[in-house]
């Protein structure tokens, strides 16, 4: 018998379809339809057995209601919905991404009533299943929700501390040179005042310097890095600010590939003909343990570095601090287009 619940809140022409799709996807979660009422969302989000919420648009104060779900319950997987009217695909994407980021939603399903374009927008700032077939898009958003909702995350605990200066001697010159090159070539594109991607160096088996979450990496000289310590997969202490979401992937890669101590990740596509292996990202939300293991498994060695490309997401490139940074820069130039962004829409 199911001990966790999926809720579909609201009433639209998608409700019955979503219920059917959820029931077909898994019998491990009880599926419950609820009409919107002001008291419903607090009750549902506070229930210990709530696992997934599909919050249909068209209800009052939609963004505020969507935002309130994950303010205290990061363990609930939330899918938002957005409807546009005769806008371009990039405009549709940007509006949906703004909703996702502001509400801390896990996925957003966007539909344009005039063009018929549907798309699933993910936190890694990309799109999945862009299609005029709404049923197909709904089937895939349900499947992605069930795939991603079972993942494991380690939340960082922030304590008092100061950023580590980007020009500190603790930051290897090789990593600094590579990241500065990527920044200069436009690899880190700003959305809502922040950039996605991450980079880090391992100081020892329990101590790391990593990029800071929700900051603009193009301002590294001002914002610096955050020091992170850990004594296992379930305990992470960050000094002064939250680390990039990809910090868990960094630690898994460093643990499983001890020959490396530096990593760079950005959201840019592969060039045609690149030999860098591709692994699927669709099943994994960035920051999960499973995403880190998927990254680590996919790494392939090229000279003195290793790399993998997360499909529809971006590459992870790992190396040792002793490497000549020009080898890494040449590899990046040969394999990735830093002027473009995964998902197809440059912000």
C-alpha atoms as a PDB file:
ATOM      1  CA  UNK A   1       0.000   0.000   0.000  1.00  0.00           C
ATOM      2  CA  UNK A   2       1.216   3.499  -0.837  1.00  0.00           C
ATOM      3  CA  UNK A   3       2.656   5.410   2.115  1.00  0.00           C
ATOM      4  CA  UNK A   4       3.433   8.633   0.233  1.00  0.00           C
ATOM      5  CA  UNK A   5       1.116  10.835  -1.795  1.00  0.00           C
ATOM      6  CA  UNK A   6       1.025  12.740  -5.061  1.00  0.00           C
ATOM      7  CA  UNK A   7      -1.349  15.705  -5.087  1.00  0.00           C
ATOM      8  CA  UNK A   8      -2.816  17.371  -8.171  1.00  0.00           C
ATOM      9  CA  UNK A   9      -4.155  20.720  -6.968  1.00  0.00           C
ATOM     10  CA  UNK A  10      -6.465  22.863  -9.094  1.00  0.00           C
ATOM     11  CA  UNK A  11      -8.956  22.202 -11.806  1.00  0.00           C
ATOM     12  CA  UNK A  12      -8.246  22.403 -15.532  1.00  0.00           C
ATOM     13  CA  UNK A  13      -8.602  20.338 -18.688  1.00  0.00           C
ATOM     14  CA  UNK A  14      -5.303  18.674 -17.725  1.00  0.00           C
ATOM     15  CA  UNK A  15      -6.423  17.364 -14.340  1.00  0.00           C
ATOM     16  CA  UNK A  16      -7.885  14.038 -15.442  1.00  0.00           C
ATOM     17  CA  UNK A  17      -4.978  13.367 -17.799  1.00  0.00           C
ATOM     18  CA  UNK A  18      -2.425  14.067 -15.075  1.00  0.00           C
ATOM     19  CA  UNK A  19      -4.243  11.787 -12.650  1.00  0.00           C
ATOM     20  CA  UNK A  20      -4.279   8.963 -15.173  1.00  0.00           C
ATOM     21  CA  UNK A  21      -0.609   9.454 -16.020  1.00  0.00           C
ATOM     22  CA  UNK A  22       0.424   9.537 -12.351  1.00  0.00           C
ATOM     23  CA  UNK A  23      -1.465   6.329 -11.589  1.00  0.00           C
ATOM     24  CA  UNK A  24       0.141   4.648 -14.594  1.00  0.00           C
ATOM     25  CA  UNK A  25       3.626   5.823 -13.626  1.00  0.00           C
ATOM     26  CA  UNK A  26       3.775   4.198 -10.199  1.00  0.00           C
ATOM     27  CA  UNK A  27       1.537   2.389  -7.724  1.00  0.00           C
ATOM     28  CA  UNK A  28       3.877   3.317  -4.878  1.00  0.00           C
ATOM     29  CA  UNK A  29       2.377   6.792  -4.487  1.00  0.00           C
ATOM     30  CA  UNK A  30      -1.296   7.399  -3.796  1.00  0.00           C
ATOM     31  CA  UNK A  31      -2.694   9.984  -6.244  1.00  0.00           C
ATOM     32  CA  UNK A  32      -5.138  12.563  -4.878  1.00  0.00           C
ATOM     33  CA  UNK A  33      -6.996  15.313  -6.761  1.00  0.00           C
ATOM     34  CA  UNK A  34      -7.842  18.448  -4.817  1.00  0.00           C
ATOM     35  CA  UNK A  35      -9.738  21.544  -5.909  1.00  0.00           C
ATOM     36  CA  UNK A  36      -7.979  24.726  -4.888  1.00  0.00           C
ATOM     37  CA  UNK A  37      -8.969  26.268  -1.569  1.00  0.00           C
ATOM     38  CA  UNK A  38      -6.898  28.716   0.463  1.00  0.00           C
ATOM     39  CA  UNK A  39      -6.491  26.240   3.311  1.00  0.00           C
ATOM     40  CA  UNK A  40      -5.562  23.253   1.121  1.00  0.00           C
ATOM     41  CA  UNK A  41      -1.984  24.133   0.283  1.00  0.00           C
ATOM     42  CA  UNK A  42      -0.792  24.689   3.888  1.00  0.00           C
ATOM     43  CA  UNK A  43      -2.459  21.447   4.953  1.00  0.00           C
ATOM     44  CA  UNK A  44      -0.987  19.419   2.098  1.00  0.00           C
ATOM     45  CA  UNK A  45       2.533  20.855   2.287  1.00  0.00           C
ATOM     46  CA  UNK A  46       2.692  20.253   6.040  1.00  0.00           C
ATOM     47  CA  UNK A  47       1.614  16.615   5.794  1.00  0.00           C
ATOM     48  CA  UNK A  48       4.531  14.232   6.372  1.00  0.00           C
ATOM     49  CA  UNK A  49       3.403  11.905   3.575  1.00  0.00           C
ATOM     50  CA  UNK A  50       3.281  14.501   0.772  1.00  0.00           C
ATOM     51  CA  UNK A  51       5.878  13.591  -1.875  1.00  0.00           C
ATOM     52  CA  UNK A  52       4.887  15.297  -5.148  1.00  0.00           C
ATOM     53  CA  UNK A  53       2.632  18.290  -5.874  1.00  0.00           C
ATOM     54  CA  UNK A  54       1.376  19.323  -9.302  1.00  0.00           C
ATOM     55  CA  UNK A  55       0.009  22.857  -8.772  1.00  0.00           C
ATOM     56  CA  UNK A  56      -2.118  23.778 -11.774  1.00  0.00           C
ATOM     57  CA  UNK A  57      -2.174  27.410 -12.857  1.00  0.00           C
ATOM     58  CA  UNK A  58      -5.283  29.545 -12.896  1.00  0.00           C
ATOM     59  CA  UNK A  59      -5.608  29.733  -9.099  1.00  0.00           C
ATOM     60  CA  UNK A  60      -5.384  33.043  -7.167  1.00  0.00           C
ATOM     61  CA  UNK A  61      -1.925  34.347  -6.239  1.00  0.00           C
ATOM     62  CA  UNK A  62      -0.348  31.528  -8.192  1.00  0.00           C
ATOM     63  CA  UNK A  63       3.343  32.340  -7.737  1.00  0.00           C
ATOM     64  CA  UNK A  64       2.916  33.016  -4.018  1.00  0.00           C
ATOM     65  CA  UNK A  65       1.092  29.726  -3.526  1.00  0.00           C
ATOM     66  CA  UNK A  66       3.722  27.858  -5.531  1.00  0.00           C
ATOM     67  CA  UNK A  67       6.559  29.498  -3.608  1.00  0.00           C
ATOM     68  CA  UNK A  68       5.202  28.651  -0.189  1.00  0.00           C
ATOM     69  CA  UNK A  69       5.383  24.882  -0.735  1.00  0.00           C
ATOM     70  CA  UNK A  70       9.165  24.494  -0.723  1.00  0.00           C
ATOM     71  CA  UNK A  71       9.999  27.325   1.667  1.00  0.00           C
ATOM     72  CA  UNK A  72      10.149  24.830   4.533  1.00  0.00           C
ATOM     73  CA  UNK A  73       9.727  21.509   2.696  1.00  0.00           C
ATOM     74  CA  UNK A  74      12.618  20.951   0.305  1.00  0.00           C
ATOM     75  CA  UNK A  75      11.743  17.256   0.339  1.00  0.00           C
ATOM     76  CA  UNK A  76       8.530  17.870  -1.631  1.00  0.00           C
ATOM     77  CA  UNK A  77       8.909  17.696  -5.413  1.00  0.00           C
ATOM     78  CA  UNK A  78       6.900  20.545  -6.948  1.00  0.00           C
ATOM     79  CA  UNK A  79       5.782  21.002 -10.550  1.00  0.00           C
ATOM     80  CA  UNK A  80       4.517  24.439 -11.536  1.00  0.00           C
ATOM     81  CA  UNK A  81       2.465  25.353 -14.605  1.00  0.00           C
ATOM     82  CA  UNK A  82       2.615  28.463 -16.768  1.00  0.00           C
ATOM     83  CA  UNK A  83       0.459  29.583 -19.696  1.00  0.00           C
ATOM     84  CA  UNK A  84       1.537  32.174 -22.256  1.00  0.00           C
ATOM     85  CA  UNK A  85      -0.279  33.771 -25.186  1.00  0.00           C
ATOM     86  CA  UNK A  86       1.446  34.007 -28.571  1.00  0.00           C
ATOM     87  CA  UNK A  87       5.028  34.553 -27.436  1.00  0.00           C
ATOM     88  CA  UNK A  88       8.239  33.245 -28.972  1.00  0.00           C
ATOM     89  CA  UNK A  89       9.813  30.061 -27.627  1.00  0.00           C
ATOM     90  CA  UNK A  90      12.672  32.010 -25.955  1.00  0.00           C
ATOM     91  CA  UNK A  91      10.157  34.335 -24.261  1.00  0.00           C
ATOM     92  CA  UNK A  92       8.093  31.354 -23.135  1.00  0.00           C
ATOM     93  CA  UNK A  93      11.211  29.715 -21.715  1.00  0.00           C
ATOM     94  CA  UNK A  94      12.402  32.832 -19.879  1.00  0.00           C
ATOM     95  CA  UNK A  95       8.993  33.427 -18.297  1.00  0.00           C
ATOM     96  CA  UNK A  96       8.753  29.802 -17.157  1.00  0.00           C
ATOM     97  CA  UNK A  97      12.315  29.845 -15.843  1.00  0.00           C
ATOM     98  CA  UNK A  98      11.599  32.995 -13.850  1.00  0.00           C
ATOM     99  CA  UNK A  99       8.623  31.260 -12.249  1.00  0.00           C
ATOM    100  CA  UNK A 100      10.705  28.154 -11.485  1.00  0.00           C
ATOM    101  CA  UNK A 101      13.572  30.107  -9.904  1.00  0.00           C
ATOM    102  CA  UNK A 102      11.398  32.468  -7.867  1.00  0.00           C
ATOM    103  CA  UNK A 103       9.253  29.631  -6.517  1.00  0.00           C
ATOM    104  CA  UNK A 104      12.115  27.134  -6.091  1.00  0.00           C
ATOM    105  CA  UNK A 105      10.052  24.662  -8.117  1.00  0.00           C
ATOM    106  CA  UNK A 106      11.601  21.437  -9.390  1.00  0.00           C
ATOM    107  CA  UNK A 107      10.017  21.593 -12.854  1.00  0.00           C
ATOM    108  CA  UNK A 108       7.713  23.947 -14.752  1.00  0.00           C
ATOM    109  CA  UNK A 109       5.338  22.858 -17.527  1.00  0.00           C
ATOM    110  CA  UNK A 110       4.785  25.728 -19.956  1.00  0.00           C
ATOM    111  CA  UNK A 111       2.103  25.924 -22.665  1.00  0.00           C
ATOM    112  CA  UNK A 112       1.430  28.696 -25.170  1.00  0.00           C
ATOM    113  CA  UNK A 113      -2.252  28.879 -26.075  1.00  0.00           C
ATOM    114  CA  UNK A 114      -1.696  30.474 -29.478  1.00  0.00           C
ATOM    115  CA  UNK A 115       1.398  28.712 -30.838  1.00  0.00           C
ATOM    116  CA  UNK A 116       0.609  25.399 -29.129  1.00  0.00           C
ATOM    117  CA  UNK A 117       4.219  25.053 -27.971  1.00  0.00           C
ATOM    118  CA  UNK A 118       4.752  22.996 -24.815  1.00  0.00           C
ATOM    119  CA  UNK A 119       8.017  22.721 -22.930  1.00  0.00           C
ATOM    120  CA  UNK A 120       9.328  21.345 -19.646  1.00  0.00           C
ATOM    121  CA  UNK A 121      11.701  23.767 -17.933  1.00  0.00           C
ATOM    122  CA  UNK A 122      14.272  22.439 -15.458  1.00  0.00           C
ATOM    123  CA  UNK A 123      16.406  24.111 -12.739  1.00  0.00           C
ATOM    124  CA  UNK A 124      19.575  23.518 -14.755  1.00  0.00           C
ATOM    125  CA  UNK A 125      18.178  26.271 -17.020  1.00  0.00           C
ATOM    126  CA  UNK A 126      17.287  24.033 -19.912  1.00  0.00           C
ATOM    127  CA  UNK A 127      14.220  22.655 -21.638  1.00  0.00           C
ATOM    128  CA  UNK A 128      12.969  19.138 -22.276  1.00  0.00           C
ATOM    129  CA  UNK A 129      10.314  17.847 -24.679  1.00  0.00           C
ATOM    130  CA  UNK A 130       9.589  21.030 -26.632  1.00  0.00           C
ATOM    131  CA  UNK A 131       6.624  19.913 -28.716  1.00  0.00           C
ATOM    132  CA  UNK A 132       3.158  20.855 -29.960  1.00  0.00           C
ATOM    133  CA  UNK A 133       1.857  17.523 -28.659  1.00  0.00           C
ATOM    134  CA  UNK A 134       0.519  18.466 -25.241  1.00  0.00           C
ATOM    135  CA  UNK A 135      -0.284  14.902 -24.232  1.00  0.00           C
ATOM    136  CA  UNK A 136       3.266  13.830 -25.006  1.00  0.00           C
ATOM    137  CA  UNK A 137       4.674  16.730 -22.982  1.00  0.00           C
ATOM    138  CA  UNK A 138       2.393  15.938 -20.028  1.00  0.00           C
ATOM    139  CA  UNK A 139       3.420  12.283 -20.110  1.00  0.00           C
ATOM    140  CA  UNK A 140       7.051  13.298 -19.962  1.00  0.00           C
ATOM    141  CA  UNK A 141       6.670  15.856 -17.165  1.00  0.00           C
ATOM    142  CA  UNK A 142       4.996  13.167 -15.042  1.00  0.00           C
ATOM    143  CA  UNK A 143       7.736  10.667 -15.854  1.00  0.00           C
ATOM    144  CA  UNK A 144      10.480  13.194 -15.051  1.00  0.00           C
ATOM    145  CA  UNK A 145       8.757  14.101 -11.785  1.00  0.00           C
ATOM    146  CA  UNK A 146       8.624  10.470 -10.664  1.00  0.00           C
ATOM    147  CA  UNK A 147      12.224   9.852 -11.750  1.00  0.00           C
ATOM    148  CA  UNK A 148      13.626  12.926 -10.023  1.00  0.00           C
ATOM    149  CA  UNK A 149      11.492  12.875  -6.885  1.00  0.00           C
ATOM    150  CA  UNK A 150      13.271   9.872  -5.341  1.00  0.00           C
ATOM    151  CA  UNK A 151      16.777  11.386  -5.448  1.00  0.00           C
ATOM    152  CA  UNK A 152      19.015  11.941  -2.402  1.00  0.00           C
ATOM    153  CA  UNK A 153      20.305  15.356  -1.350  1.00  0.00           C
ATOM    154  CA  UNK A 154      22.627  16.552   1.391  1.00  0.00           C
ATOM    155  CA  UNK A 155      21.693  20.042   2.555  1.00  0.00           C
ATOM    156  CA  UNK A 156      24.580  22.242   3.626  1.00  0.00           C
ATOM    157  CA  UNK A 157      24.607  23.968   7.016  1.00  0.00           C
ATOM    158  CA  UNK A 158      25.860  27.551   6.778  1.00  0.00           C
ATOM    159  CA  UNK A 159      27.881  28.890   9.701  1.00  0.00           C
ATOM    160  CA  UNK A 160      29.738  32.155  10.198  1.00  0.00           C
ATOM    161  CA  UNK A 161      32.656  32.703   7.869  1.00  0.00           C
ATOM    162  CA  UNK A 162      34.173  34.903   5.192  1.00  0.00           C
ATOM    163  CA  UNK A 163      34.573  34.233   1.459  1.00  0.00           C
ATOM    164  CA  UNK A 164      37.958  33.003   0.272  1.00  0.00           C
ATOM    165  CA  UNK A 165      39.494  35.526  -2.100  1.00  0.00           C
ATOM    166  CA  UNK A 166      39.628  34.344  -5.715  1.00  0.00           C
ATOM    167  CA  UNK A 167      43.294  35.359  -5.844  1.00  0.00           C
ATOM    168  CA  UNK A 168      44.160  33.541  -2.613  1.00  0.00           C
ATOM    169  CA  UNK A 169      47.181  31.222  -2.768  1.00  0.00           C
ATOM    170  CA  UNK A 170      44.760  28.469  -1.715  1.00  0.00           C
ATOM    171  CA  UNK A 171      43.275  28.626  -5.229  1.00  0.00           C
ATOM    172  CA  UNK A 172      45.580  26.814  -7.690  1.00  0.00           C
ATOM    173  CA  UNK A 173      46.803  28.963 -10.562  1.00  0.00           C
ATOM    174  CA  UNK A 174      45.687  26.292 -13.021  1.00  0.00           C
ATOM    175  CA  UNK A 175      42.052  26.404 -11.859  1.00  0.00           C
ATOM    176  CA  UNK A 176      42.040  30.200 -11.740  1.00  0.00           C
ATOM    177  CA  UNK A 177      43.445  30.467 -15.275  1.00  0.00           C
ATOM    178  CA  UNK A 178      40.885  28.015 -16.699  1.00  0.00           C
ATOM    179  CA  UNK A 179      37.885  29.600 -14.975  1.00  0.00           C
ATOM    180  CA  UNK A 180      39.026  33.127 -15.896  1.00  0.00           C
ATOM    181  CA  UNK A 181      39.288  32.021 -19.522  1.00  0.00           C
ATOM    182  CA  UNK A 182      35.784  30.527 -19.445  1.00  0.00           C
ATOM    183  CA  UNK A 183      34.412  33.699 -17.896  1.00  0.00           C
ATOM    184  CA  UNK A 184      36.083  35.865 -20.532  1.00  0.00           C
ATOM    185  CA  UNK A 185      34.589  33.737 -23.311  1.00  0.00           C
ATOM    186  CA  UNK A 186      31.039  34.056 -21.950  1.00  0.00           C
ATOM    187  CA  UNK A 187      30.599  30.568 -20.485  1.00  0.00           C
ATOM    188  CA  UNK A 188      28.798  31.884 -17.394  1.00  0.00           C
ATOM    189  CA  UNK A 189      25.655  33.688 -18.532  1.00  0.00           C
ATOM    190  CA  UNK A 190      23.653  35.801 -16.092  1.00  0.00           C
ATOM    191  CA  UNK A 191      19.969  35.183 -15.323  1.00  0.00           C
ATOM    192  CA  UNK A 192      18.200  37.084 -12.544  1.00  0.00           C
ATOM    193  CA  UNK A 193      21.561  38.360 -11.314  1.00  0.00           C
ATOM    194  CA  UNK A 194      23.215  34.930 -10.971  1.00  0.00           C
ATOM    195  CA  UNK A 195      25.079  32.401 -13.099  1.00  0.00           C
ATOM    196  CA  UNK A 196      24.774  28.626 -13.275  1.00  0.00           C
ATOM    197  CA  UNK A 197      27.580  26.076 -13.317  1.00  0.00           C
ATOM    198  CA  UNK A 198      30.233  25.516 -10.667  1.00  0.00           C
ATOM    199  CA  UNK A 199      33.938  24.963 -10.036  1.00  0.00           C
ATOM    200  CA  UNK A 200      35.996  23.832  -7.074  1.00  0.00           C
ATOM    201  CA  UNK A 201      39.304  22.642  -5.696  1.00  0.00           C
ATOM    202  CA  UNK A 202      39.901  19.944  -3.090  1.00  0.00           C
ATOM    203  CA  UNK A 203      42.308  21.069  -0.356  1.00  0.00           C
ATOM    204  CA  UNK A 204      42.183  17.728   1.467  1.00  0.00           C
ATOM    205  CA  UNK A 205      39.721  14.865   1.803  1.00  0.00           C
ATOM    206  CA  UNK A 206      37.430  16.903   4.049  1.00  0.00           C
ATOM    207  CA  UNK A 207      37.997  20.484   2.828  1.00  0.00           C
ATOM    208  CA  UNK A 208      37.024  22.149  -0.435  1.00  0.00           C
ATOM    209  CA  UNK A 209      36.807  25.624  -1.926  1.00  0.00           C
ATOM    210  CA  UNK A 210      33.845  25.946  -4.246  1.00  0.00           C
ATOM    211  CA  UNK A 211      31.808  28.543  -6.095  1.00  0.00           C
ATOM    212  CA  UNK A 212      29.036  30.339  -4.230  1.00  0.00           C
ATOM    213  CA  UNK A 213      25.363  29.695  -4.958  1.00  0.00           C
ATOM    214  CA  UNK A 214      23.186  32.444  -6.490  1.00  0.00           C
ATOM    215  CA  UNK A 215      26.098  34.722  -7.344  1.00  0.00           C
ATOM    216  CA  UNK A 216      27.511  36.107 -10.575  1.00  0.00           C
ATOM    217  CA  UNK A 217      30.717  34.249 -11.384  1.00  0.00           C
ATOM    218  CA  UNK A 218      31.729  37.128 -13.642  1.00  0.00           C
ATOM    219  CA  UNK A 219      32.316  39.065 -10.405  1.00  0.00           C
ATOM    220  CA  UNK A 220      34.652  36.512  -8.808  1.00  0.00           C
ATOM    221  CA  UNK A 221      37.177  39.137  -7.762  1.00  0.00           C
ATOM    222  CA  UNK A 222      34.471  40.626  -5.523  1.00  0.00           C
ATOM    223  CA  UNK A 223      32.563  37.523  -4.368  1.00  0.00           C
ATOM    224  CA  UNK A 224      35.303  34.902  -3.963  1.00  0.00           C
ATOM    225  CA  UNK A 225      34.692  31.244  -3.062  1.00  0.00           C
ATOM    226  CA  UNK A 226      33.141  29.462  -0.087  1.00  0.00           C
ATOM    227  CA  UNK A 227      35.008  27.018   2.139  1.00  0.00           C
ATOM    228  CA  UNK A 228      33.214  23.713   2.694  1.00  0.00           C
ATOM    229  CA  UNK A 229      34.078  20.897   5.097  1.00  0.00           C
ATOM    230  CA  UNK A 230      32.531  17.438   5.350  1.00  0.00           C
ATOM    231  CA  UNK A 231      33.092  14.278   7.348  1.00  0.00           C
ATOM    232  CA  UNK A 232      30.784  12.100   5.258  1.00  0.00           C
ATOM    233  CA  UNK A 233      27.985  12.162   2.678  1.00  0.00           C
ATOM    234  CA  UNK A 234      25.394  13.466   5.144  1.00  0.00           C
ATOM    235  CA  UNK A 235      27.233  16.334   6.823  1.00  0.00           C
ATOM    236  CA  UNK A 236      28.346  19.477   4.967  1.00  0.00           C
ATOM    237  CA  UNK A 237      29.384  22.719   6.687  1.00  0.00           C
ATOM    238  CA  UNK A 238      29.708  25.877   4.557  1.00  0.00           C
ATOM    239  CA  UNK A 239      31.419  28.957   5.938  1.00  0.00           C
ATOM    240  CA  UNK A 240      29.595  32.210   5.229  1.00  0.00           C
ATOM    241  CA  UNK A 241      27.283  31.260   2.333  1.00  0.00           C
ATOM    242  CA  UNK A 242      25.770  28.325   0.493  1.00  0.00           C
ATOM    243  CA  UNK A 243      27.980  26.448  -1.987  1.00  0.00           C
ATOM    244  CA  UNK A 244      26.953  25.867  -5.591  1.00  0.00           C
ATOM    245  CA  UNK A 245      24.285  23.198  -6.019  1.00  0.00           C
ATOM    246  CA  UNK A 246      26.842  21.012  -7.774  1.00  0.00           C
ATOM    247  CA  UNK A 247      28.980  20.715  -4.648  1.00  0.00           C
ATOM    248  CA  UNK A 248      27.781  17.168  -3.981  1.00  0.00           C
ATOM    249  CA  UNK A 249      28.833  16.095  -7.478  1.00  0.00           C
ATOM    250  CA  UNK A 250      32.240  17.671  -6.905  1.00  0.00           C
ATOM    251  CA  UNK A 251      32.821  15.693  -3.715  1.00  0.00           C
ATOM    252  CA  UNK A 252      31.702  12.396  -5.270  1.00  0.00           C
ATOM    253  CA  UNK A 253      33.985  12.914  -8.272  1.00  0.00           C
ATOM    254  CA  UNK A 254      36.968  13.773  -6.064  1.00  0.00           C
ATOM    255  CA  UNK A 255      36.322  10.749  -3.848  1.00  0.00           C
ATOM    256  CA  UNK A 256      36.045   8.313  -6.740  1.00  0.00           C
ATOM    257  CA  UNK A 257      38.878   9.879  -8.778  1.00  0.00           C
ATOM    258  CA  UNK A 258      41.520  10.779  -6.171  1.00  0.00           C
ATOM    259  CA  UNK A 259      44.066  11.650  -8.855  1.00  0.00           C
ATOM    260  CA  UNK A 260      42.094  14.861  -9.519  1.00  0.00           C
ATOM    261  CA  UNK A 261      41.524  17.858  -7.247  1.00  0.00           C
ATOM    262  CA  UNK A 262      39.995  20.506  -9.565  1.00  0.00           C
ATOM    263  CA  UNK A 263      36.706  20.641 -11.471  1.00  0.00           C
ATOM    264  CA  UNK A 264      35.033  23.079 -13.869  1.00  0.00           C
ATOM    265  CA  UNK A 265      31.413  22.930 -15.044  1.00  0.00           C
ATOM    266  CA  UNK A 266      29.463  25.303 -17.314  1.00  0.00           C
ATOM    267  CA  UNK A 267      26.199  25.134 -19.263  1.00  0.00           C
ATOM    268  CA  UNK A 268      27.387  25.204 -22.867  1.00  0.00           C
ATOM    269  CA  UNK A 269      26.855  22.719 -25.719  1.00  0.00           C
ATOM    270  CA  UNK A 270      29.310  20.324 -27.293  1.00  0.00           C
ATOM    271  CA  UNK A 271      30.753  21.113 -30.700  1.00  0.00           C
ATOM    272  CA  UNK A 272      29.955  18.814 -33.581  1.00  0.00           C
ATOM    273  CA  UNK A 273      32.444  15.956 -33.768  1.00  0.00           C
ATOM    274  CA  UNK A 274      33.463  16.145 -30.104  1.00  0.00           C
ATOM    275  CA  UNK A 275      34.606  12.805 -28.669  1.00  0.00           C
ATOM    276  CA  UNK A 276      33.546  13.701 -25.120  1.00  0.00           C
ATOM    277  CA  UNK A 277      31.053  11.014 -23.971  1.00  0.00           C
ATOM    278  CA  UNK A 278      27.459  12.049 -23.257  1.00  0.00           C
ATOM    279  CA  UNK A 279      25.363  10.743 -20.367  1.00  0.00           C
ATOM    280  CA  UNK A 280      21.697  11.472 -19.743  1.00  0.00           C
ATOM    281  CA  UNK A 281      20.762  14.228 -17.283  1.00  0.00           C
ATOM    282  CA  UNK A 282      16.994  13.908 -17.683  1.00  0.00           C
ATOM    283  CA  UNK A 283      16.597  11.536 -14.723  1.00  0.00           C
ATOM    284  CA  UNK A 284      18.743  13.573 -12.332  1.00  0.00           C
ATOM    285  CA  UNK A 285      18.345  16.942 -10.662  1.00  0.00           C
ATOM    286  CA  UNK A 286      21.617  18.786 -10.257  1.00  0.00           C
ATOM    287  CA  UNK A 287      22.947  18.552  -6.711  1.00  0.00           C
ATOM    288  CA  UNK A 288      21.670  15.047  -6.014  1.00  0.00           C
ATOM    289  CA  UNK A 289      23.959  12.183  -5.033  1.00  0.00           C
ATOM    290  CA  UNK A 290      22.703  10.309  -8.100  1.00  0.00           C
ATOM    291  CA  UNK A 291      23.730  13.176 -10.395  1.00  0.00           C
ATOM    292  CA  UNK A 292      27.230  13.071  -8.907  1.00  0.00           C
ATOM    293  CA  UNK A 293      27.498   9.310  -9.395  1.00  0.00           C
ATOM    294  CA  UNK A 294      26.216   9.638 -12.967  1.00  0.00           C
ATOM    295  CA  UNK A 295      28.877  12.270 -13.647  1.00  0.00           C
ATOM    296  CA  UNK A 296      31.641  10.224 -12.062  1.00  0.00           C
ATOM    297  CA  UNK A 297      30.718   7.055 -13.995  1.00  0.00           C
ATOM    298  CA  UNK A 298      30.752   8.920 -17.285  1.00  0.00           C
ATOM    299  CA  UNK A 299      34.190  10.520 -17.037  1.00  0.00           C
ATOM    300  CA  UNK A 300      36.615   9.599 -19.808  1.00  0.00           C
ATOM    301  CA  UNK A 301      40.310  10.474 -19.871  1.00  0.00           C
ATOM    302  CA  UNK A 302      41.757  12.857 -22.448  1.00  0.00           C
ATOM    303  CA  UNK A 303      45.456  13.430 -21.894  1.00  0.00           C
ATOM    304  CA  UNK A 304      45.965  14.751 -18.372  1.00  0.00           C
ATOM    305  CA  UNK A 305      42.290  15.464 -17.706  1.00  0.00           C
ATOM    306  CA  UNK A 306      38.932  13.687 -17.776  1.00  0.00           C
ATOM    307  CA  UNK A 307      35.555  14.923 -18.968  1.00  0.00           C
ATOM    308  CA  UNK A 308      31.941  13.965 -19.476  1.00  0.00           C
ATOM    309  CA  UNK A 309      29.045  15.829 -21.071  1.00  0.00           C
ATOM    310  CA  UNK A 310      25.711  15.829 -19.238  1.00  0.00           C
ATOM    311  CA  UNK A 311      23.102  15.850 -21.988  1.00  0.00           C
ATOM    312  CA  UNK A 312      21.113  19.069 -22.227  1.00  0.00           C
ATOM    313  CA  UNK A 313      23.142  20.393 -19.305  1.00  0.00           C
ATOM    314  CA  UNK A 314      26.889  20.842 -19.822  1.00  0.00           C
ATOM    315  CA  UNK A 315      30.359  19.338 -19.330  1.00  0.00           C
ATOM    316  CA  UNK A 316      32.281  18.471 -16.198  1.00  0.00           C
ATOM    317  CA  UNK A 317      36.033  18.732 -16.701  1.00  0.00           C
ATOM    318  CA  UNK A 318      38.349  17.452 -13.956  1.00  0.00           C
ATOM    319  CA  UNK A 319      42.123  17.706 -13.596  1.00  0.00           C
ATOM    320  CA  UNK A 320      44.948  17.949 -11.095  1.00  0.00           C
ATOM    321  CA  UNK A 321      46.247  21.339 -10.016  1.00  0.00           C
ATOM    322  CA  UNK A 322      49.664  20.483 -11.491  1.00  0.00           C
ATOM    323  CA  UNK A 323      48.316  20.466 -15.066  1.00  0.00           C
ATOM    324  CA  UNK A 324      49.341  23.099 -17.577  1.00  0.00           C
ATOM    325  CA  UNK A 325      46.122  25.164 -17.780  1.00  0.00           C
ATOM    326  CA  UNK A 326      46.643  25.663 -21.505  1.00  0.00           C
ATOM    327  CA  UNK A 327      45.963  21.942 -21.989  1.00  0.00           C
ATOM    328  CA  UNK A 328      42.555  22.391 -20.371  1.00  0.00           C
ATOM    329  CA  UNK A 329      41.816  25.581 -22.319  1.00  0.00           C
ATOM    330  CA  UNK A 330      42.740  23.919 -25.617  1.00  0.00           C
ATOM    331  CA  UNK A 331      40.505  20.970 -24.759  1.00  0.00           C
ATOM    332  CA  UNK A 332      37.589  23.316 -23.971  1.00  0.00           C
ATOM    333  CA  UNK A 333      38.094  25.224 -27.237  1.00  0.00           C
ATOM    334  CA  UNK A 334      38.111  22.011 -29.247  1.00  0.00           C
ATOM    335  CA  UNK A 335      34.995  20.537 -27.670  1.00  0.00           C
ATOM    336  CA  UNK A 336      32.577  23.210 -26.412  1.00  0.00           C
ATOM    337  CA  UNK A 337      30.943  26.381 -27.716  1.00  0.00           C
ATOM    338  CA  UNK A 338      31.161  28.859 -24.852  1.00  0.00           C
ATOM    339  CA  UNK A 339      29.107  31.472 -26.722  1.00  0.00           C
ATOM    340  CA  UNK A 340      25.996  29.285 -26.604  1.00  0.00           C
ATOM    341  CA  UNK A 341      23.890  27.856 -23.803  1.00  0.00           C
ATOM    342  CA  UNK A 342      22.410  24.402 -23.315  1.00  0.00           C
ATOM    343  CA  UNK A 343      18.668  24.479 -23.835  1.00  0.00           C
ATOM    344  CA  UNK A 344      19.099  26.540 -26.981  1.00  0.00           C
ATOM    345  CA  UNK A 345      18.220  29.960 -25.602  1.00  0.00           C
ATOM    346  CA  UNK A 346      20.969  32.451 -24.718  1.00  0.00           C
ATOM    347  CA  UNK A 347      19.661  34.654 -21.911  1.00  0.00           C
END
